mmCIF file of all heavy atoms, coordinates in Angstrom:
data_MODEL
# 
_entry.id   MODEL 
# 
loop_
_atom_site.group_PDB 
_atom_site.id 
_atom_site.type_symbol 
_atom_site.label_atom_id 
_atom_site.label_alt_id 
_atom_site.label_comp_id 
_atom_site.label_asym_id 
_atom_site.label_entity_id 
_atom_site.label_seq_id 
_atom_site.pdbx_PDB_ins_code 
_atom_site.Cartn_x 
_atom_site.Cartn_y 
_atom_site.Cartn_z 
_atom_site.occupancy 
_atom_site.B_iso_or_equiv 
_atom_site.pdbx_formal_charge 
_atom_site.auth_seq_id 
_atom_site.auth_comp_id 
_atom_site.auth_asym_id 
_atom_site.auth_atom_id 
_atom_site.pdbx_PDB_model_num 
ATOM 1   N N   . VAL A 1 1  ? 0.841  -1.214 -0.005  1.00 0.00 ? 1  VAL A N   1 
ATOM 2   C CA  . VAL A 1 1  ? -0.001 0.002  0.006   1.00 0.00 ? 1  VAL A CA  1 
ATOM 3   C C   . VAL A 1 1  ? 0.867  1.252  0.001   1.00 0.00 ? 1  VAL A C   1 
ATOM 4   O O   . VAL A 1 1  ? 0.532  2.244  -0.641  1.00 0.00 ? 1  VAL A O   1 
ATOM 5   C CB  . VAL A 1 1  ? -0.960 -0.007 1.211   1.00 0.00 ? 1  VAL A CB  1 
ATOM 6   C CG1 . VAL A 1 1  ? -1.619 1.353  1.393   1.00 0.00 ? 1  VAL A CG1 1 
ATOM 7   C CG2 . VAL A 1 1  ? -2.029 -1.083 1.029   1.00 0.00 ? 1  VAL A CG2 1 
ATOM 8   N N   . MET A 1 2  ? 1.986  1.211  0.712   1.00 0.00 ? 2  MET A N   1 
ATOM 9   C CA  . MET A 1 2  ? 2.906  2.363  0.692   1.00 0.00 ? 2  MET A CA  1 
ATOM 10  C C   . MET A 1 2  ? 3.382  2.651  -0.725  1.00 0.00 ? 2  MET A C   1 
ATOM 11  O O   . MET A 1 2  ? 3.361  3.794  -1.192  1.00 0.00 ? 2  MET A O   1 
ATOM 12  C CB  . MET A 1 2  ? 4.103  2.099  1.599   1.00 0.00 ? 2  MET A CB  1 
ATOM 13  C CG  . MET A 1 2  ? 5.172  3.183  1.531   1.00 0.00 ? 2  MET A CG  1 
ATOM 14  S SD  . MET A 1 2  ? 6.528  2.955  2.721   1.00 0.00 ? 2  MET A SD  1 
ATOM 15  C CE  . MET A 1 2  ? 7.203  1.372  2.198   1.00 0.00 ? 2  MET A CE  1 
ATOM 16  N N   . ILE A 1 3  ? 3.779  1.595  -1.434  1.00 0.00 ? 3  ILE A N   1 
ATOM 17  C CA  . ILE A 1 3  ? 4.245  1.773  -2.818  1.00 0.00 ? 3  ILE A CA  1 
ATOM 18  C C   . ILE A 1 3  ? 3.098  2.169  -3.729  1.00 0.00 ? 3  ILE A C   1 
ATOM 19  O O   . ILE A 1 3  ? 3.210  3.101  -4.544  1.00 0.00 ? 3  ILE A O   1 
ATOM 20  C CB  . ILE A 1 3  ? 4.903  0.473  -3.318  1.00 0.00 ? 3  ILE A CB  1 
ATOM 21  C CG1 . ILE A 1 3  ? 6.163  0.182  -2.509  1.00 0.00 ? 3  ILE A CG1 1 
ATOM 22  C CG2 . ILE A 1 3  ? 5.250  0.585  -4.810  1.00 0.00 ? 3  ILE A CG2 1 
ATOM 23  C CD1 . ILE A 1 3  ? 6.784  -1.174 -2.783  1.00 0.00 ? 3  ILE A CD1 1 
ATOM 24  N N   . GLY A 1 4  ? 1.957  1.479  -3.591  1.00 0.00 ? 4  GLY A N   1 
ATOM 25  C CA  . GLY A 1 4  ? 0.814  1.754  -4.464  1.00 0.00 ? 4  GLY A CA  1 
ATOM 26  C C   . GLY A 1 4  ? 0.228  3.136  -4.264  1.00 0.00 ? 4  GLY A C   1 
ATOM 27  O O   . GLY A 1 4  ? -0.014 3.870  -5.232  1.00 0.00 ? 4  GLY A O   1 
ATOM 28  N N   . ASP A 1 5  ? -0.044 3.505  -2.997  1.00 0.00 ? 5  ASP A N   1 
ATOM 29  C CA  . ASP A 1 5  ? -0.616 4.840  -2.724  1.00 0.00 ? 5  ASP A CA  1 
ATOM 30  C C   . ASP A 1 5  ? 0.359  5.948  -3.076  1.00 0.00 ? 5  ASP A C   1 
ATOM 31  O O   . ASP A 1 5  ? -0.022 6.998  -3.573  1.00 0.00 ? 5  ASP A O   1 
ATOM 32  C CB  . ASP A 1 5  ? -1.018 4.931  -1.242  1.00 0.00 ? 5  ASP A CB  1 
ATOM 33  C CG  . ASP A 1 5  ? -2.306 4.182  -0.949  1.00 0.00 ? 5  ASP A CG  1 
ATOM 34  O OD1 . ASP A 1 5  ? -2.884 3.607  -1.886  1.00 0.00 ? 5  ASP A OD1 1 
ATOM 35  O OD2 . ASP A 1 5  ? -2.719 4.153  0.223   1.00 0.00 ? 5  ASP A OD2 1 
ATOM 36  N N   . GLY A 1 6  ? 1.665  5.703  -2.782  1.00 0.00 ? 6  GLY A N   1 
ATOM 37  C CA  . GLY A 1 6  ? 2.673  6.691  -3.135  1.00 0.00 ? 6  GLY A CA  1 
ATOM 38  C C   . GLY A 1 6  ? 2.733  6.906  -4.637  1.00 0.00 ? 6  GLY A C   1 
ATOM 39  O O   . GLY A 1 6  ? 2.823  8.050  -5.116  1.00 0.00 ? 6  GLY A O   1 
ATOM 40  N N   . CYS A 1 7  ? 2.675  5.811  -5.391  1.00 0.00 ? 7  CYS A N   1 
ATOM 41  C CA  . CYS A 1 7  ? 2.686  5.906  -6.860  1.00 0.00 ? 7  CYS A CA  1 
ATOM 42  C C   . CYS A 1 7  ? 1.415  6.577  -7.388  1.00 0.00 ? 7  CYS A C   1 
ATOM 43  O O   . CYS A 1 7  ? 1.475  7.390  -8.297  1.00 0.00 ? 7  CYS A O   1 
ATOM 44  C CB  . CYS A 1 7  ? 2.821  4.519  -7.471  1.00 0.00 ? 7  CYS A CB  1 
ATOM 45  S SG  . CYS A 1 7  ? 2.907  4.538  -9.266  1.00 0.00 ? 7  CYS A SG  1 
ATOM 46  N N   . CYS A 1 8  ? 0.278  6.242  -6.763  1.00 0.00 ? 8  CYS A N   1 
ATOM 47  C CA  . CYS A 1 8  ? -0.999 6.861  -7.156  1.00 0.00 ? 8  CYS A CA  1 
ATOM 48  C C   . CYS A 1 8  ? -0.913 8.387  -7.034  1.00 0.00 ? 8  CYS A C   1 
ATOM 49  O O   . CYS A 1 8  ? -1.299 9.108  -7.951  1.00 0.00 ? 8  CYS A O   1 
ATOM 50  C CB  . CYS A 1 8  ? -2.114 6.310  -6.273  1.00 0.00 ? 8  CYS A CB  1 
ATOM 51  S SG  . CYS A 1 8  ? -3.725 7.064  -6.560  1.00 0.00 ? 8  CYS A SG  1 
ATOM 52  N N   . THR A 1 9  ? -0.387 8.857  -5.923  1.00 0.00 ? 9  THR A N   1 
ATOM 53  C CA  . THR A 1 9  ? -0.231 10.298 -5.704  1.00 0.00 ? 9  THR A CA  1 
ATOM 54  C C   . THR A 1 9  ? 0.765  10.882 -6.688  1.00 0.00 ? 9  THR A C   1 
ATOM 55  O O   . THR A 1 9  ? 0.537  11.951 -7.269  1.00 0.00 ? 9  THR A O   1 
ATOM 56  C CB  . THR A 1 9  ? 0.239  10.577 -4.258  1.00 0.00 ? 9  THR A CB  1 
ATOM 57  O OG1 . THR A 1 9  ? -0.670 9.983  -3.353  1.00 0.00 ? 9  THR A OG1 1 
ATOM 58  C CG2 . THR A 1 9  ? 0.316  12.074 -4.000  1.00 0.00 ? 9  THR A CG2 1 
ATOM 59  N N   . PHE A 1 10 ? 1.886  10.183 -6.878  1.00 0.00 ? 10 PHE A N   1 
ATOM 60  C CA  . PHE A 1 10 ? 2.942  10.636 -7.804  1.00 0.00 ? 10 PHE A CA  1 
ATOM 61  C C   . PHE A 1 10 ? 2.389  10.761 -9.225  1.00 0.00 ? 10 PHE A C   1 
ATOM 62  O O   . PHE A 1 10 ? 2.649  11.753 -9.912  1.00 0.00 ? 10 PHE A O   1 
ATOM 63  C CB  . PHE A 1 10 ? 4.101  9.651  -7.759  1.00 0.00 ? 10 PHE A CB  1 
ATOM 64  C CG  . PHE A 1 10 ? 5.287  10.047 -8.605  1.00 0.00 ? 10 PHE A CG  1 
ATOM 65  C CD1 . PHE A 1 10 ? 6.248  10.911 -8.113  1.00 0.00 ? 10 PHE A CD1 1 
ATOM 66  C CD2 . PHE A 1 10 ? 5.430  9.551  -9.896  1.00 0.00 ? 10 PHE A CD2 1 
ATOM 67  C CE1 . PHE A 1 10 ? 7.342  11.282 -8.890  1.00 0.00 ? 10 PHE A CE1 1 
ATOM 68  C CE2 . PHE A 1 10 ? 6.515  9.911  -10.680 1.00 0.00 ? 10 PHE A CE2 1 
ATOM 69  C CZ  . PHE A 1 10 ? 7.476  10.779 -10.164 1.00 0.00 ? 10 PHE A CZ  1 
ATOM 70  N N   . VAL A 1 11 ? 1.642  9.754  -9.655  1.00 0.00 ? 11 VAL A N   1 
ATOM 71  C CA  . VAL A 1 11 ? 1.053  9.762  -10.996 1.00 0.00 ? 11 VAL A CA  1 
ATOM 72  C C   . VAL A 1 11 ? 0.051  10.899 -11.141 1.00 0.00 ? 11 VAL A C   1 
ATOM 73  O O   . VAL A 1 11 ? 0.060  11.629 -12.139 1.00 0.00 ? 11 VAL A O   1 
ATOM 74  C CB  . VAL A 1 11 ? 0.365  8.413  -11.298 1.00 0.00 ? 11 VAL A CB  1 
ATOM 75  C CG1 . VAL A 1 11 ? -0.499 8.506  -12.555 1.00 0.00 ? 11 VAL A CG1 1 
ATOM 76  C CG2 . VAL A 1 11 ? 1.412  7.321  -11.477 1.00 0.00 ? 11 VAL A CG2 1 
ATOM 77  N N   . SER A 1 12 ? -0.797 11.088 -10.145 1.00 0.00 ? 12 SER A N   1 
ATOM 78  C CA  . SER A 1 12 ? -1.808 12.156 -10.215 1.00 0.00 ? 12 SER A CA  1 
ATOM 79  C C   . SER A 1 12 ? -1.149 13.537 -10.300 1.00 0.00 ? 12 SER A C   1 
ATOM 80  O O   . SER A 1 12 ? -1.596 14.394 -11.066 1.00 0.00 ? 12 SER A O   1 
ATOM 81  C CB  . SER A 1 12 ? -2.704 12.091 -8.964  1.00 0.00 ? 12 SER A CB  1 
ATOM 82  O OG  . SER A 1 12 ? -3.418 10.883 -8.918  1.00 0.00 ? 12 SER A OG  1 
ATOM 83  N N   . ILE A 1 13 ? -0.111 13.738 -9.507  1.00 0.00 ? 13 ILE A N   1 
ATOM 84  C CA  . ILE A 1 13 ? 0.610  15.034 -9.540  1.00 0.00 ? 13 ILE A CA  1 
ATOM 85  C C   . ILE A 1 13 ? 1.197  15.281 -10.917 1.00 0.00 ? 13 ILE A C   1 
ATOM 86  O O   . ILE A 1 13 ? 1.080  16.381 -11.473 1.00 0.00 ? 13 ILE A O   1 
ATOM 87  C CB  . ILE A 1 13 ? 1.724  15.052 -8.466  1.00 0.00 ? 13 ILE A CB  1 
ATOM 88  C CG1 . ILE A 1 13 ? 1.124  15.088 -7.058  1.00 0.00 ? 13 ILE A CG1 1 
ATOM 89  C CG2 . ILE A 1 13 ? 2.661  16.250 -8.678  1.00 0.00 ? 13 ILE A CG2 1 
ATOM 90  C CD1 . ILE A 1 13 ? 2.137  14.891 -5.952  1.00 0.00 ? 13 ILE A CD1 1 
ATOM 91  N N   . ASN A 1 14 ? 1.827  14.270 -11.486 1.00 0.00 ? 14 ASN A N   1 
ATOM 92  C CA  . ASN A 1 14 ? 2.495  14.455 -12.772 1.00 0.00 ? 14 ASN A CA  1 
ATOM 93  C C   . ASN A 1 14 ? 1.528  14.524 -13.957 1.00 0.00 ? 14 ASN A C   1 
ATOM 94  O O   . ASN A 1 14 ? 1.783  15.222 -14.936 1.00 0.00 ? 14 ASN A O   1 
ATOM 95  C CB  . ASN A 1 14 ? 3.523  13.334 -13.000 1.00 0.00 ? 14 ASN A CB  1 
ATOM 96  C CG  . ASN A 1 14 ? 4.776  13.563 -12.173 1.00 0.00 ? 14 ASN A CG  1 
ATOM 97  O OD1 . ASN A 1 14 ? 5.619  14.390 -12.504 1.00 0.00 ? 14 ASN A OD1 1 
ATOM 98  N ND2 . ASN A 1 14 ? 4.893  12.848 -11.071 1.00 0.00 ? 14 ASN A ND2 1 
ATOM 99  N N   . LEU A 1 15 ? 0.403  13.815 -13.857 1.00 0.00 ? 15 LEU A N   1 
ATOM 100 C CA  . LEU A 1 15 ? -0.612 13.956 -14.900 1.00 0.00 ? 15 LEU A CA  1 
ATOM 101 C C   . LEU A 1 15 ? -1.214 15.362 -14.863 1.00 0.00 ? 15 LEU A C   1 
ATOM 102 O O   . LEU A 1 15 ? -1.491 15.954 -15.896 1.00 0.00 ? 15 LEU A O   1 
ATOM 103 C CB  . LEU A 1 15 ? -1.713 12.907 -14.715 1.00 0.00 ? 15 LEU A CB  1 
ATOM 104 C CG  . LEU A 1 15 ? -1.357 11.455 -15.087 1.00 0.00 ? 15 LEU A CG  1 
ATOM 105 C CD1 . LEU A 1 15 ? -2.535 10.535 -14.819 1.00 0.00 ? 15 LEU A CD1 1 
ATOM 106 C CD2 . LEU A 1 15 ? -0.940 11.371 -16.550 1.00 0.00 ? 15 LEU A CD2 1 
ATOM 107 N N   . GLY A 1 16 ? -1.395 15.869 -13.648 1.00 0.00 ? 16 GLY A N   1 
ATOM 108 C CA  . GLY A 1 16 ? -1.897 17.249 -13.504 1.00 0.00 ? 16 GLY A CA  1 
ATOM 109 C C   . GLY A 1 16 ? -0.933 18.274 -14.076 1.00 0.00 ? 16 GLY A C   1 
ATOM 110 O O   . GLY A 1 16 ? -1.340 19.311 -14.584 1.00 0.00 ? 16 GLY A O   1 
ATOM 111 N N   . ALA A 1 17 ? 0.365  17.953 -14.016 1.00 0.00 ? 17 ALA A N   1 
ATOM 112 C CA  . ALA A 1 17 ? 1.402  18.849 -14.539 1.00 0.00 ? 17 ALA A CA  1 
ATOM 113 C C   . ALA A 1 17 ? 1.697  18.561 -16.016 1.00 0.00 ? 17 ALA A C   1 
ATOM 114 O O   . ALA A 1 17 ? 2.654  19.112 -16.569 1.00 0.00 ? 17 ALA A O   1 
ATOM 115 C CB  . ALA A 1 17 ? 2.672  18.709 -13.719 1.00 0.00 ? 17 ALA A CB  1 
ATOM 116 N N   . LYS A 1 18 ? 0.901  17.678 -16.624 1.00 0.00 ? 18 LYS A N   1 
ATOM 117 C CA  . LYS A 1 18 ? 1.080  17.298 -18.023 1.00 0.00 ? 18 LYS A CA  1 
ATOM 118 C C   . LYS A 1 18 ? 2.425  16.614 -18.271 1.00 0.00 ? 18 LYS A C   1 
ATOM 119 O O   . LYS A 1 18 ? 2.999  16.735 -19.363 1.00 0.00 ? 18 LYS A O   1 
ATOM 120 C CB  . LYS A 1 18 ? 0.935  18.525 -18.949 1.00 0.00 ? 18 LYS A CB  1 
ATOM 121 C CG  . LYS A 1 18 ? -0.318 19.350 -18.735 1.00 0.00 ? 18 LYS A CG  1 
ATOM 122 C CD  . LYS A 1 18 ? -1.580 18.552 -19.030 1.00 0.00 ? 18 LYS A CD  1 
ATOM 123 C CE  . LYS A 1 18 ? -2.832 19.418 -18.854 1.00 0.00 ? 18 LYS A CE  1 
ATOM 124 N NZ  . LYS A 1 18 ? -4.076 18.648 -19.064 1.00 0.00 ? 18 LYS A NZ  1 
ATOM 125 N N   . GLN A 1 19 ? 2.916  15.889 -17.286 1.00 0.00 ? 19 GLN A N   1 
ATOM 126 C CA  . GLN A 1 19 ? 4.194  15.185 -17.415 1.00 0.00 ? 19 GLN A CA  1 
ATOM 127 C C   . GLN A 1 19 ? 3.944  13.677 -17.439 1.00 0.00 ? 19 GLN A C   1 
ATOM 128 O O   . GLN A 1 19 ? 4.219  12.960 -16.489 1.00 0.00 ? 19 GLN A O   1 
ATOM 129 C CB  . GLN A 1 19 ? 5.130  15.557 -16.268 1.00 0.00 ? 19 GLN A CB  1 
ATOM 130 C CG  . GLN A 1 19 ? 5.553  17.024 -16.294 1.00 0.00 ? 19 GLN A CG  1 
ATOM 131 C CD  . GLN A 1 19 ? 6.461  17.391 -15.135 1.00 0.00 ? 19 GLN A CD  1 
ATOM 132 O OE1 . GLN A 1 19 ? 6.327  16.865 -14.026 1.00 0.00 ? 19 GLN A OE1 1 
ATOM 133 N NE2 . GLN A 1 19 ? 7.407  18.285 -15.397 1.00 0.00 ? 19 GLN A NE2 1 
ATOM 134 N N   . LYS A 1 20 ? 3.405  13.216 -18.557 1.00 0.00 ? 20 LYS A N   1 
ATOM 135 C CA  . LYS A 1 20 ? 3.034  11.811 -18.681 1.00 0.00 ? 20 LYS A CA  1 
ATOM 136 C C   . LYS A 1 20 ? 4.251  10.881 -18.630 1.00 0.00 ? 20 LYS A C   1 
ATOM 137 O O   . LYS A 1 20 ? 4.168  9.767  -18.103 1.00 0.00 ? 20 LYS A O   1 
ATOM 138 C CB  . LYS A 1 20 ? 2.239  11.568 -19.959 1.00 0.00 ? 20 LYS A CB  1 
ATOM 139 C CG  . LYS A 1 20 ? 0.846  12.167 -19.957 1.00 0.00 ? 20 LYS A CG  1 
ATOM 140 C CD  . LYS A 1 20 ? 0.061  11.743 -21.185 1.00 0.00 ? 20 LYS A CD  1 
ATOM 141 C CE  . LYS A 1 20 ? -1.370 12.288 -21.143 1.00 0.00 ? 20 LYS A CE  1 
ATOM 142 N NZ  . LYS A 1 20 ? -2.166 11.831 -22.310 1.00 0.00 ? 20 LYS A NZ  1 
ATOM 143 N N   . ASP A 1 21 ? 5.360  11.349 -19.175 1.00 0.00 ? 21 ASP A N   1 
ATOM 144 C CA  . ASP A 1 21 ? 6.568  10.528 -19.176 1.00 0.00 ? 21 ASP A CA  1 
ATOM 145 C C   . ASP A 1 21 ? 7.014  10.231 -17.748 1.00 0.00 ? 21 ASP A C   1 
ATOM 146 O O   . ASP A 1 21 ? 7.392  9.115  -17.415 1.00 0.00 ? 21 ASP A O   1 
ATOM 147 C CB  . ASP A 1 21 ? 7.691  11.229 -19.937 1.00 0.00 ? 21 ASP A CB  1 
ATOM 148 C CG  . ASP A 1 21 ? 7.427  11.259 -21.436 1.00 0.00 ? 21 ASP A CG  1 
ATOM 149 O OD1 . ASP A 1 21 ? 6.541  10.521 -21.898 1.00 0.00 ? 21 ASP A OD1 1 
ATOM 150 O OD2 . ASP A 1 21 ? 8.095  12.040 -22.139 1.00 0.00 ? 21 ASP A OD2 1 
ATOM 151 N N   . LYS A 1 22 ? 6.986  11.264 -16.903 1.00 0.00 ? 22 LYS A N   1 
ATOM 152 C CA  . LYS A 1 22 ? 7.418  11.095 -15.520 1.00 0.00 ? 22 LYS A CA  1 
ATOM 153 C C   . LYS A 1 22 ? 6.435  10.208 -14.768 1.00 0.00 ? 22 LYS A C   1 
ATOM 154 O O   . LYS A 1 22 ? 6.828  9.419  -13.902 1.00 0.00 ? 22 LYS A O   1 
ATOM 155 C CB  . LYS A 1 22 ? 7.538  12.459 -14.840 1.00 0.00 ? 22 LYS A CB  1 
ATOM 156 C CG  . LYS A 1 22 ? 8.376  12.417 -13.565 1.00 0.00 ? 22 LYS A CG  1 
ATOM 157 C CD  . LYS A 1 22 ? 8.715  13.812 -13.074 1.00 0.00 ? 22 LYS A CD  1 
ATOM 158 C CE  . LYS A 1 22 ? 9.609  13.736 -11.838 1.00 0.00 ? 22 LYS A CE  1 
ATOM 159 N NZ  . LYS A 1 22 ? 9.951  15.091 -11.335 1.00 0.00 ? 22 LYS A NZ  1 
ATOM 160 N N   . ALA A 1 23 ? 5.155  10.348 -15.082 1.00 0.00 ? 23 ALA A N   1 
ATOM 161 C CA  . ALA A 1 23 ? 4.130  9.489  -14.469 1.00 0.00 ? 23 ALA A CA  1 
ATOM 162 C C   . ALA A 1 23 ? 4.398  8.024  -14.828 1.00 0.00 ? 23 ALA A C   1 
ATOM 163 O O   . ALA A 1 23 ? 4.296  7.135  -13.973 1.00 0.00 ? 23 ALA A O   1 
ATOM 164 C CB  . ALA A 1 23 ? 2.746  9.911  -14.916 1.00 0.00 ? 23 ALA A CB  1 
ATOM 165 N N   . GLY A 1 24 ? 4.747  7.784  -16.084 1.00 0.00 ? 24 GLY A N   1 
ATOM 166 C CA  . GLY A 1 24 ? 5.060  6.436  -16.536 1.00 0.00 ? 24 GLY A CA  1 
ATOM 167 C C   . GLY A 1 24 ? 6.288  5.883  -15.826 1.00 0.00 ? 24 GLY A C   1 
ATOM 168 O O   . GLY A 1 24 ? 6.341  4.693  -15.473 1.00 0.00 ? 24 GLY A O   1 
ATOM 169 N N   . GLN A 1 25 ? 7.286  6.736  -15.611 1.00 0.00 ? 25 GLN A N   1 
ATOM 170 C CA  . GLN A 1 25 ? 8.480  6.321  -14.877 1.00 0.00 ? 25 GLN A CA  1 
ATOM 171 C C   . GLN A 1 25 ? 8.133  5.935  -13.444 1.00 0.00 ? 25 GLN A C   1 
ATOM 172 O O   . GLN A 1 25 ? 8.715  4.984  -12.894 1.00 0.00 ? 25 GLN A O   1 
ATOM 173 C CB  . GLN A 1 25 ? 9.495  7.451  -14.882 1.00 0.00 ? 25 GLN A CB  1 
ATOM 174 C CG  . GLN A 1 25 ? 10.084 7.770  -16.251 1.00 0.00 ? 25 GLN A CG  1 
ATOM 175 C CD  . GLN A 1 25 ? 10.940 9.030  -16.228 1.00 0.00 ? 25 GLN A CD  1 
ATOM 176 O OE1 . GLN A 1 25 ? 11.197 9.609  -15.188 1.00 0.00 ? 25 GLN A OE1 1 
ATOM 177 N NE2 . GLN A 1 25 ? 11.391 9.446  -17.407 1.00 0.00 ? 25 GLN A NE2 1 
ATOM 178 N N   . GLY A 1 26 ? 7.195  6.653  -12.866 1.00 0.00 ? 26 GLY A N   1 
ATOM 179 C CA  . GLY A 1 26 ? 6.760  6.340  -11.508 1.00 0.00 ? 26 GLY A CA  1 
ATOM 180 C C   . GLY A 1 26 ? 6.109  4.974  -11.424 1.00 0.00 ? 26 GLY A C   1 
ATOM 181 O O   . GLY A 1 26 ? 6.368  4.204  -10.498 1.00 0.00 ? 26 GLY A O   1 
# 
């Protein structure tokens, strides 16, 4: 859950910033 929730937040932040590549890296 730590990894999953952390990634969920990381992906949401980067999608909001239009950084799909970084979200994919996450």
